PDB file of N, CA and C in Angstrom:
ATOM      1  N   MET A   1      68.627  46.548  20.365  1.00  0.00           N
ATOM      2  CA  MET A   1      68.698  47.725  21.198  1.00  0.00           C
ATOM      3  C   MET A   1      67.294  48.304  21.323  1.00  0.00           C
ATOM      4  N   PRO A   2      66.827  48.528  22.541  1.00  0.00           N
ATOM      5  CA  PRO A   2      65.480  49.080  22.705  1.00  0.00           C
ATOM      6  C   PRO A   2      65.423  50.550  22.280  1.00  0.00           C
ATOM      7  N   ALA A   3      64.260  50.965  21.843  1.00  0.00           N
ATOM      8  CA  ALA A   3      64.044  52.375  21.526  1.00  0.00           C
ATOM      9  C   ALA A   3      64.111  53.185  22.815  1.00  0.00           C
ATOM     10  N   THR A   4      64.368  54.452  22.690  1.00  0.00           N
ATOM     11  CA  THR A   4      64.470  55.317  23.864  1.00  0.00           C
ATOM     12  C   THR A   4      63.240  55.205  24.751  1.00  0.00           C
ATOM     13  N   ALA A   5      62.049  55.211  24.147  1.00  0.00           N
ATOM     14  CA  ALA A   5      60.807  55.144  24.924  1.00  0.00           C
ATOM     15  C   ALA A   5      60.618  53.799  25.598  1.00  0.00           C
ATOM     16  N   GLU A   6      61.319  52.751  25.141  1.00  0.00           N
ATOM     17  CA  GLU A   6      61.168  51.411  25.709  1.00  0.00           C
ATOM     18  C   GLU A   6      62.095  51.158  26.894  1.00  0.00           C
ATOM     19  N   SER A   7      63.046  52.016  27.104  1.00  0.00           N
ATOM     20  CA  SER A   7      64.003  51.834  28.185  1.00  0.00           C
ATOM     21  C   SER A   7      63.569  52.638  29.406  1.00  0.00           C
ATOM     22  N   ALA A   8      63.545  51.984  30.548  1.00  0.00           N
ATOM     23  CA  ALA A   8      63.112  52.659  31.777  1.00  0.00           C
ATOM     24  C   ALA A   8      64.022  53.840  32.120  1.00  0.00           C
ATOM     25  N   SER A   9      65.312  53.731  31.805  1.00  0.00           N
ATOM     26  CA  SER A   9      66.246  54.791  32.190  1.00  0.00           C
ATOM     27  C   SER A   9      66.127  56.040  31.316  1.00  0.00           C
ATOM     28  N   THR A  10      65.486  55.917  30.170  1.00  0.00           N
ATOM     29  CA  THR A  10      65.359  57.081  29.289  1.00  0.00           C
ATOM     30  C   THR A  10      63.898  57.444  29.009  1.00  0.00           C
ATOM     31  N   ARG A  11      62.989  56.859  29.740  1.00  0.00           N
ATOM     32  CA  ARG A  11      61.576  57.174  29.538  1.00  0.00           C
ATOM     33  C   ARG A  11      61.358  58.668  29.779  1.00  0.00           C
ATOM     34  N   GLY A  12      60.640  59.300  28.877  1.00  0.00           N
ATOM     35  CA  GLY A  12      60.391  60.729  28.996  1.00  0.00           C
ATOM     36  C   GLY A  12      61.502  61.588  28.410  1.00  0.00           C
ATOM     37  N   TYR A  13      62.527  60.940  27.902  1.00  0.00           N
ATOM     38  CA  TYR A  13      63.656  61.653  27.306  1.00  0.00           C
ATOM     39  C   TYR A  13      63.200  62.410  26.069  1.00  0.00           C
ATOM     40  N   GLU A  14      63.564  63.651  25.985  1.00  0.00           N
ATOM     41  CA  GLU A  14      63.223  64.462  24.818  1.00  0.00           C
ATOM     42  C   GLU A  14      64.345  65.451  24.582  1.00  0.00           C
ATOM     43  N   VAL A  15      64.748  65.575  23.348  1.00  0.00           N
ATOM     44  CA  VAL A  15      65.795  66.537  23.020  1.00  0.00           C
ATOM     45  C   VAL A  15      65.476  67.153  21.670  1.00  0.00           C
ATOM     46  N   SER A  16      65.770  68.398  21.545  1.00  0.00           N
ATOM     47  CA  SER A  16      65.619  69.078  20.264  1.00  0.00           C
ATOM     48  C   SER A  16      66.752  70.085  20.139  1.00  0.00           C
ATOM     49  N   ALA A  17      67.040  70.430  18.926  1.00  0.00           N
ATOM     50  CA  ALA A  17      68.093  71.414  18.681  1.00  0.00           C
ATOM     51  C   ALA A  17      67.441  72.739  18.313  1.00  0.00           C
ATOM     52  N   TRP A  18      68.094  73.815  18.653  1.00  0.00           N
ATOM     53  CA  TRP A  18      67.587  75.120  18.300  1.00  0.00           C
ATOM     54  C   TRP A  18      68.762  76.071  18.134  1.00  0.00           C
ATOM     55  N   THR A  19      68.524  77.128  17.449  1.00  0.00           N
ATOM     56  CA  THR A  19      69.527  78.176  17.293  1.00  0.00           C
ATOM     57  C   THR A  19      68.870  79.497  17.638  1.00  0.00           C
ATOM     58  N   GLY A  20      69.672  80.468  17.914  1.00  0.00           N
ATOM     59  CA  GLY A  20      69.118  81.773  18.246  1.00  0.00           C
ATOM     60  C   GLY A  20      70.130  82.864  18.008  1.00  0.00           C
ATOM     61  N   VAL A  21      69.653  84.060  18.049  1.00  0.00           N
ATOM     62  CA  VAL A  21      70.499  85.241  17.938  1.00  0.00           C
ATOM     63  C   VAL A  21      70.555  85.871  19.323  1.00  0.00           C
ATOM     64  N   PHE A  22      71.756  86.102  19.803  1.00  0.00           N
ATOM     65  CA  PHE A  22      71.954  86.651  21.137  1.00  0.00           C
ATOM     66  C   PHE A  22      72.609  88.027  21.040  1.00  0.00           C
ATOM     67  N   ALA A  23      72.295  88.873  21.974  1.00  0.00           N
ATOM     68  CA  ALA A  23      72.878  90.209  22.045  1.00  0.00           C
ATOM     69  C   ALA A  23      73.101  90.546  23.513  1.00  0.00           C
ATOM     70  N   PRO A  24      73.985  91.463  23.789  1.00  0.00           N
ATOM     71  CA  PRO A  24      74.224  91.839  25.185  1.00  0.00           C
ATOM     72  C   PRO A  24      72.999  92.540  25.774  1.00  0.00           C
ATOM     73  N   PRO A  25      72.830  92.453  27.084  1.00  0.00           N
ATOM     74  CA  PRO A  25      71.675  93.112  27.728  1.00  0.00           C
ATOM     75  C   PRO A  25      71.609  94.614  27.430  1.00  0.00           C
ATOM     76  N   SER A  26      72.734  95.224  27.167  1.00  0.00           N
ATOM     77  CA  SER A  26      72.762  96.671  26.919  1.00  0.00           C
ATOM     78  C   SER A  26      72.130  97.061  25.587  1.00  0.00           C
ATOM     79  N   ILE A  27      71.696  96.085  24.787  1.00  0.00           N
ATOM     80  CA  ILE A  27      71.107  96.393  23.485  1.00  0.00           C
ATOM     81  C   ILE A  27      69.832  97.226  23.618  1.00  0.00           C
ATOM     82  N   GLY A  28      69.133  97.067  24.707  1.00  0.00           N
ATOM     83  CA  GLY A  28      67.893  97.814  24.918  1.00  0.00           C
ATOM     84  C   GLY A  28      66.687  97.080  24.352  1.00  0.00           C
ATOM     85  N   THR A  29      65.563  97.307  24.973  1.00  0.00           N
ATOM     86  CA  THR A  29      64.338  96.602  24.615  1.00  0.00           C
ATOM     87  C   THR A  29      63.860  96.944  23.209  1.00  0.00           C
ATOM     88  N   ALA A  30      63.898  98.208  22.826  1.00  0.00           N
ATOM     89  CA  ALA A  30      63.380  98.621  21.515  1.00  0.00           C
ATOM     90  C   ALA A  30      64.160  97.960  20.382  1.00  0.00           C
ATOM     91  N   LEU A  31      65.479  97.983  20.455  1.00  0.00           N
ATOM     92  CA  LEU A  31      66.291  97.369  19.404  1.00  0.00           C
ATOM     93  C   LEU A  31      66.142  95.853  19.432  1.00  0.00           C
ATOM     94  N   ARG A  32      66.102  95.270  20.627  1.00  0.00           N
ATOM     95  CA  ARG A  32      65.893  93.831  20.752  1.00  0.00           C
ATOM     96  C   ARG A  32      64.595  93.409  20.076  1.00  0.00           C
ATOM     97  N   ASP A  33      63.521  94.127  20.363  1.00  0.00           N
ATOM     98  CA  ASP A  33      62.223  93.793  19.781  1.00  0.00           C
ATOM     99  C   ASP A  33      62.206  94.003  18.274  1.00  0.00           C
ATOM    100  N   LYS A  34      62.894  95.023  17.800  1.00  0.00           N
ATOM    101  CA  LYS A  34      62.978  95.271  16.349  1.00  0.00           C
ATOM    102  C   LYS A  34      63.718  94.133  15.666  1.00  0.00           C
ATOM    103  N   LEU A  35      64.834  93.717  16.222  1.00  0.00           N
ATOM    104  CA  LEU A  35      65.585  92.596  15.648  1.00  0.00           C
ATOM    105  C   LEU A  35      64.753  91.323  15.662  1.00  0.00           C
ATOM    106  N   ALA A  36      64.082  91.064  16.763  1.00  0.00           N
ATOM    107  CA  ALA A  36      63.243  89.859  16.870  1.00  0.00           C
ATOM    108  C   ALA A  36      62.134  89.887  15.827  1.00  0.00           C
ATOM    109  N   ALA A  37      61.507  91.036  15.631  1.00  0.00           N
ATOM    110  CA  ALA A  37      60.437  91.154  14.640  1.00  0.00           C
ATOM    111  C   ALA A  37      60.975  90.956  13.228  1.00  0.00           C
ATOM    112  N   ASP A  38      62.140  91.524  12.941  1.00  0.00           N
ATOM    113  CA  ASP A  38      62.740  91.367  11.604  1.00  0.00           C
ATOM    114  C   ASP A  38      63.118  89.914  11.330  1.00  0.00           C
ATOM    115  N   ILE A  39      63.664  89.244  12.325  1.00  0.00           N
ATOM    116  CA  ILE A  39      64.024  87.831  12.172  1.00  0.00           C
ATOM    117  C   ILE A  39      62.774  86.991  11.976  1.00  0.00           C
ATOM    118  N   ALA A  40      61.741  87.246  12.763  1.00  0.00           N
ATOM    119  CA  ALA A  40      60.482  86.502  12.626  1.00  0.00           C
ATOM    120  C   ALA A  40      59.892  86.704  11.237  1.00  0.00           C
ATOM    121  N   GLU A  41      59.942  87.921  10.734  1.00  0.00           N
ATOM    122  CA  GLU A  41      59.426  88.201   9.390  1.00  0.00           C
ATOM    123  C   GLU A  41      60.217  87.419   8.340  1.00  0.00           C
ATOM    124  N   ALA A  42      61.528  87.405   8.473  1.00  0.00           N
ATOM    125  CA  ALA A  42      62.362  86.660   7.522  1.00  0.00           C
ATOM    126  C   ALA A  42      62.049  85.167   7.561  1.00  0.00           C
ATOM    127  N   LEU A  43      61.824  84.633   8.761  1.00  0.00           N
ATOM    128  CA  LEU A  43      61.522  83.204   8.896  1.00  0.00           C
ATOM    129  C   LEU A  43      60.157  82.834   8.326  1.00  0.00           C
ATOM    130  N   ARG A  44      59.273  83.815   8.219  1.00  0.00           N
ATOM    131  CA  ARG A  44      57.955  83.570   7.629  1.00  0.00           C
ATOM    132  C   ARG A  44      57.963  83.662   6.103  1.00  0.00           C
ATOM    133  N   ALA A  45      59.028  84.171   5.525  1.00  0.00           N
ATOM    134  CA  ALA A  45      59.110  84.279   4.065  1.00  0.00           C
ATOM    135  C   ALA A  45      58.990  82.883   3.462  1.00  0.00           C
ATOM    136  N   PRO A  46      58.170  82.718   2.438  1.00  0.00           N
ATOM    137  CA  PRO A  46      57.934  81.388   1.873  1.00  0.00           C
ATOM    138  C   PRO A  46      59.207  80.636   1.489  1.00  0.00           C
ATOM    139  N   ASP A  47      60.173  81.304   0.881  1.00  0.00           N
ATOM    140  CA  ASP A  47      61.396  80.602   0.472  1.00  0.00           C
ATOM    141  C   ASP A  47      62.228  80.161   1.673  1.00  0.00           C
ATOM    142  N   VAL A  48      62.256  80.974   2.712  1.00  0.00           N
ATOM    143  CA  VAL A  48      62.998  80.606   3.923  1.00  0.00           C
ATOM    144  C   VAL A  48      62.281  79.463   4.641  1.00  0.00           C
ATOM    145  N   ALA A  49      60.975  79.584   4.783  1.00  0.00           N
ATOM    146  CA  ALA A  49      60.194  78.530   5.436  1.00  0.00           C
ATOM    147  C   ALA A  49      60.354  77.202   4.702  1.00  0.00           C
ATOM    148  N   GLU A  50      60.333  77.239   3.377  1.00  0.00           N
ATOM    149  CA  GLU A  50      60.497  76.009   2.590  1.00  0.00           C
ATOM    150  C   GLU A  50      61.896  75.432   2.765  1.00  0.00           C
ATOM    151  N   ARG A  51      62.891  76.288   2.781  1.00  0.00           N
ATOM    152  CA  ARG A  51      64.272  75.827   2.979  1.00  0.00           C
ATOM    153  C   ARG A  51      64.412  75.161   4.346  1.00  0.00           C
ATOM    154  N   TYR A  52      63.864  75.780   5.362  1.00  0.00           N
ATOM    155  CA  TYR A  52      63.888  75.178   6.700  1.00  0.00           C
ATOM    156  C   TYR A  52      63.227  73.807   6.672  1.00  0.00           C
ATOM    157  N   LYS A  53      62.075  73.739   6.027  1.00  0.00           N
ATOM    158  CA  LYS A  53      61.318  72.494   5.970  1.00  0.00           C
ATOM    159  C   LYS A  53      62.125  71.389   5.292  1.00  0.00           C
ATOM    160  N   THR A  54      62.823  71.704   4.198  1.00  0.00           N
ATOM    161  CA  THR A  54      63.603  70.683   3.496  1.00  0.00           C
ATOM    162  C   THR A  54      64.760  70.169   4.345  1.00  0.00           C
ATOM    163  N   MET A  55      65.197  70.965   5.307  1.00  0.00           N
ATOM    164  CA  MET A  55      66.278  70.542   6.204  1.00  0.00           C
ATOM    165  C   MET A  55      65.735  69.877   7.466  1.00  0.00           C
ATOM    166  N   GLY A  56      64.408  69.778   7.565  1.00  0.00           N
ATOM    167  CA  GLY A  56      63.803  69.147   8.732  1.00  0.00           C
ATOM    168  C   GLY A  56      63.657  70.079   9.921  1.00  0.00           C
ATOM    169  N   TYR A  57      63.755  71.366   9.698  1.00  0.00           N
ATOM    170  CA  TYR A  57      63.643  72.344  10.776  1.00  0.00           C
ATOM    171  C   TYR A  57      62.267  72.976  10.802  1.00  0.00           C
ATOM    172  N   GLU A  58      61.911  73.474  11.960  1.00  0.00           N
ATOM    173  CA  GLU A  58      60.730  74.295  12.130  1.00  0.00           C
ATOM    174  C   GLU A  58      61.199  75.643  12.642  1.00  0.00           C
ATOM    175  N   ALA A  59      60.521  76.686  12.258  1.00  0.00           N
ATOM    176  CA  ALA A  59      60.851  78.016  12.756  1.00  0.00           C
ATOM    177  C   ALA A  59      59.717  78.450  13.696  1.00  0.00           C
ATOM    178  N   PRO A  60      59.844  78.140  14.975  1.00  0.00           N
ATOM    179  CA  PRO A  60      58.772  78.496  15.899  1.00  0.00           C
ATOM    180  C   PRO A  60      58.644  80.011  16.049  1.00  0.00           C
ATOM    181  N   ALA A  61      57.462  80.461  16.282  1.00  0.00           N
ATOM    182  CA  ALA A  61      57.206  81.893  16.467  1.00  0.00           C
ATOM    183  C   ALA A  61      57.379  82.239  17.941  1.00  0.00           C
ATOM    184  N   LEU A  62      58.596  82.577  18.312  1.00  0.00           N
ATOM    185  CA  LEU A  62      58.878  82.961  19.698  1.00  0.00           C
ATOM    186  C   LEU A  62      59.321  84.417  19.724  1.00  0.00           C
ATOM    187  N   ASP A  63      58.701  85.211  20.585  1.00  0.00           N
ATOM    188  CA  ASP A  63      59.202  86.566  20.753  1.00  0.00           C
ATOM    189  C   ASP A  63      60.432  86.509  21.670  1.00  0.00           C
ATOM    190  N   ALA A  64      61.048  87.651  21.897  1.00  0.00           N
ATOM    191  CA  ALA A  64      62.294  87.689  22.674  1.00  0.00           C
ATOM    192  C   ALA A  64      62.111  87.129  24.086  1.00  0.00           C
ATOM    193  N   VAL A  65      60.992  87.428  24.710  1.00  0.00           N
ATOM    194  CA  VAL A  65      60.745  86.953  26.084  1.00  0.00           C
ATOM    195  C   VAL A  65      60.552  85.432  26.095  1.00  0.00           C
ATOM    196  N   ALA A  66      59.782  84.914  25.143  1.00  0.00           N
ATOM    197  CA  ALA A  66      59.558  83.470  25.072  1.00  0.00           C
ATOM    198  C   ALA A  66      60.859  82.734  24.763  1.00  0.00           C
ATOM    199  N   PHE A  67      61.693  83.320  23.904  1.00  0.00           N
ATOM    200  CA  PHE A  67      62.985  82.692  23.606  1.00  0.00           C
ATOM    201  C   PHE A  67      63.881  82.690  24.842  1.00  0.00           C
ATOM    202  N   ALA A  68      63.889  83.779  25.584  1.00  0.00           N
ATOM    203  CA  ALA A  68      64.676  83.834  26.824  1.00  0.00           C
ATOM    204  C   ALA A  68      64.199  82.773  27.810  1.00  0.00           C
ATOM    205  N   ASP A  69      62.892  82.551  27.879  1.00  0.00           N
ATOM    206  CA  ASP A  69      62.342  81.499  28.742  1.00  0.00           C
ATOM    207  C   ASP A  69      62.813  80.120  28.282  1.00  0.00           C
ATOM    208  N   LEU A  70      62.822  79.891  26.966  1.00  0.00           N
ATOM    209  CA  LEU A  70      63.309  78.619  26.422  1.00  0.00           C
ATOM    210  C   LEU A  70      64.761  78.392  26.820  1.00  0.00           C
ATOM    211  N   VAL A  71      65.593  79.398  26.635  1.00  0.00           N
ATOM    212  CA  VAL A  71      67.014  79.279  26.986  1.00  0.00           C
ATOM    213  C   VAL A  71      67.169  78.969  28.476  1.00  0.00           C
ATOM    214  N   LYS A  72      66.389  79.642  29.306  1.00  0.00           N
ATOM    215  CA  LYS A  72      66.458  79.398  30.758  1.00  0.00           C
ATOM    216  C   LYS A  72      66.064  77.958  31.097  1.00  0.00           C
ATOM    217  N   ARG A  73      64.948  77.487  30.518  1.00  0.00           N
ATOM    218  CA  ARG A  73      64.502  76.109  30.787  1.00  0.00           C
ATOM    219  C   ARG A  73      65.534  75.093  30.308  1.00  0.00           C
ATOM    220  N   GLU A  74      66.079  75.296  29.127  1.00  0.00           N
ATOM    221  CA  GLU A  74      67.069  74.373  28.587  1.00  0.00           C
ATOM    222  C   GLU A  74      68.335  74.369  29.443  1.00  0.00           C
ATOM    223  N   THR A  75      68.757  75.538  29.878  1.00  0.00           N
ATOM    224  CA  THR A  75      69.951  75.644  30.719  1.00  0.00           C
ATOM    225  C   THR A  75      69.746  74.899  32.032  1.00  0.00           C
ATOM    226  N   GLU A  76      68.589  75.080  32.640  1.00  0.00           N
ATOM    227  CA  GLU A  76      68.291  74.390  33.902  1.00  0.00           C
ATOM    228  C   GLU A  76      68.206  72.881  33.689  1.00  0.00           C
ATOM    229  N   SER A  77      67.500  72.464  32.657  1.00  0.00           N
ATOM    230  CA  SER A  77      67.307  71.038  32.394  1.00  0.00           C
ATOM    231  C   SER A  77      68.631  70.341  32.098  1.00  0.00           C
ATOM    232  N   TRP A  78      69.392  70.893  31.168  1.00  0.00           N
ATOM    233  CA  TRP A  78      70.669  70.253  30.828  1.00  0.00           C
ATOM    234  C   TRP A  78      71.680  70.384  31.955  1.00  0.00           C
ATOM    235  N   GLY A  79      71.581  71.449  32.733  1.00  0.00           N
ATOM    236  CA  GLY A  79      72.465  71.594  33.886  1.00  0.00           C
ATOM    237  C   GLY A  79      72.255  70.466  34.876  1.00  0.00           C
ATOM    238  N   GLU A  80      70.998  70.116  35.131  1.00  0.00           N
ATOM    239  CA  GLU A  80      70.690  68.993  36.029  1.00  0.00           C
ATOM    240  C   GLU A  80      71.263  67.691  35.487  1.00  0.00           C
ATOM    241  N   ILE A  81      71.091  67.463  34.199  1.00  0.00           N
ATOM    242  CA  ILE A  81      71.593  66.228  33.577  1.00  0.00           C
ATOM    243  C   ILE A  81      73.107  66.166  33.663  1.00  0.00           C
ATOM    244  N   ILE A  82      73.767  67.261  33.367  1.00  0.00           N
ATOM    245  CA  ILE A  82      75.233  67.290  33.398  1.00  0.00           C
ATOM    246  C   ILE A  82      75.745  67.087  34.818  1.00  0.00           C
ATOM    247  N   ARG A  83      75.149  67.805  35.778  1.00  0.00           N
ATOM    248  CA  ARG A  83      75.583  67.639  37.177  1.00  0.00           C
ATOM    249  C   ARG A  83      75.314  66.217  37.658  1.00  0.00           C
ATOM    250  N   GLY A  84      74.159  65.662  37.302  1.00  0.00           N
ATOM    251  CA  GLY A  84      73.814  64.304  37.741  1.00  0.00           C
ATOM    252  C   GLY A  84      74.697  63.228  37.124  1.00  0.00           C
ATOM    253  N   SER A  85      75.245  63.504  35.951  1.00  0.00           N
ATOM    254  CA  SER A  85      76.083  62.514  35.280  1.00  0.00           C
ATOM    255  C   SER A  85      77.514  62.523  35.798  1.00  0.00           C
ATOM    256  N   GLY A  86      77.891  63.586  36.474  1.00  0.00           N
ATOM    257  CA  GLY A  86      79.261  63.695  36.958  1.00  0.00           C
ATOM    258  C   GLY A  86      80.230  64.171  35.883  1.00  0.00           C
ATOM    259  N   LEU A  87      79.731  64.599  34.736  1.00  0.00           N
ATOM    260  CA  LEU A  87      80.609  65.100  33.686  1.00  0.00           C
ATOM    261  C   LEU A  87      81.347  66.322  34.167  1.00  0.00           C
ATOM    262  N   ARG A  88      82.593  66.429  33.719  1.00  0.00           N
ATOM    263  CA  ARG A  88      83.401  67.591  34.073  1.00  0.00           C
ATOM    264  C   ARG A  88      84.128  68.079  32.835  1.00  0.00           C
ATOM    265  N   LEU A  89      84.279  69.367  32.746  1.00  0.00           N
ATOM    266  CA  LEU A  89      85.053  69.976  31.670  1.00  0.00           C
ATOM    267  C   LEU A  89      86.456  70.229  32.184  1.00  0.00           C
ATOM    268  N   ASP A  90      87.387  69.493  31.640  1.00  0.00           N
ATOM    269  CA  ASP A  90      88.786  69.639  32.081  1.00  0.00           C
ATOM    270  C   ASP A  90      89.611  70.313  31.026  1.00  0.00           C
TER     271      ASP A  90
END
């Protein structure tokens, strides 16, 4: 079986997993930014960072706006793949 990079149909294929904390838009910018800062601080704690590392995870430093951009890009990208594949949720 060829590696993903060796197959013409999957050349450029890239996937990663991520998790996030979501809140309704009504949360307000100040509270959103406070939560994001608190989460970022927790992820920088040496014991948390080490635990993430042992599980093979990275904790990227994304503020709320950058995370929203990531979600938008992922939604658009996977939406194209799903629509192009003809997959349907029944």
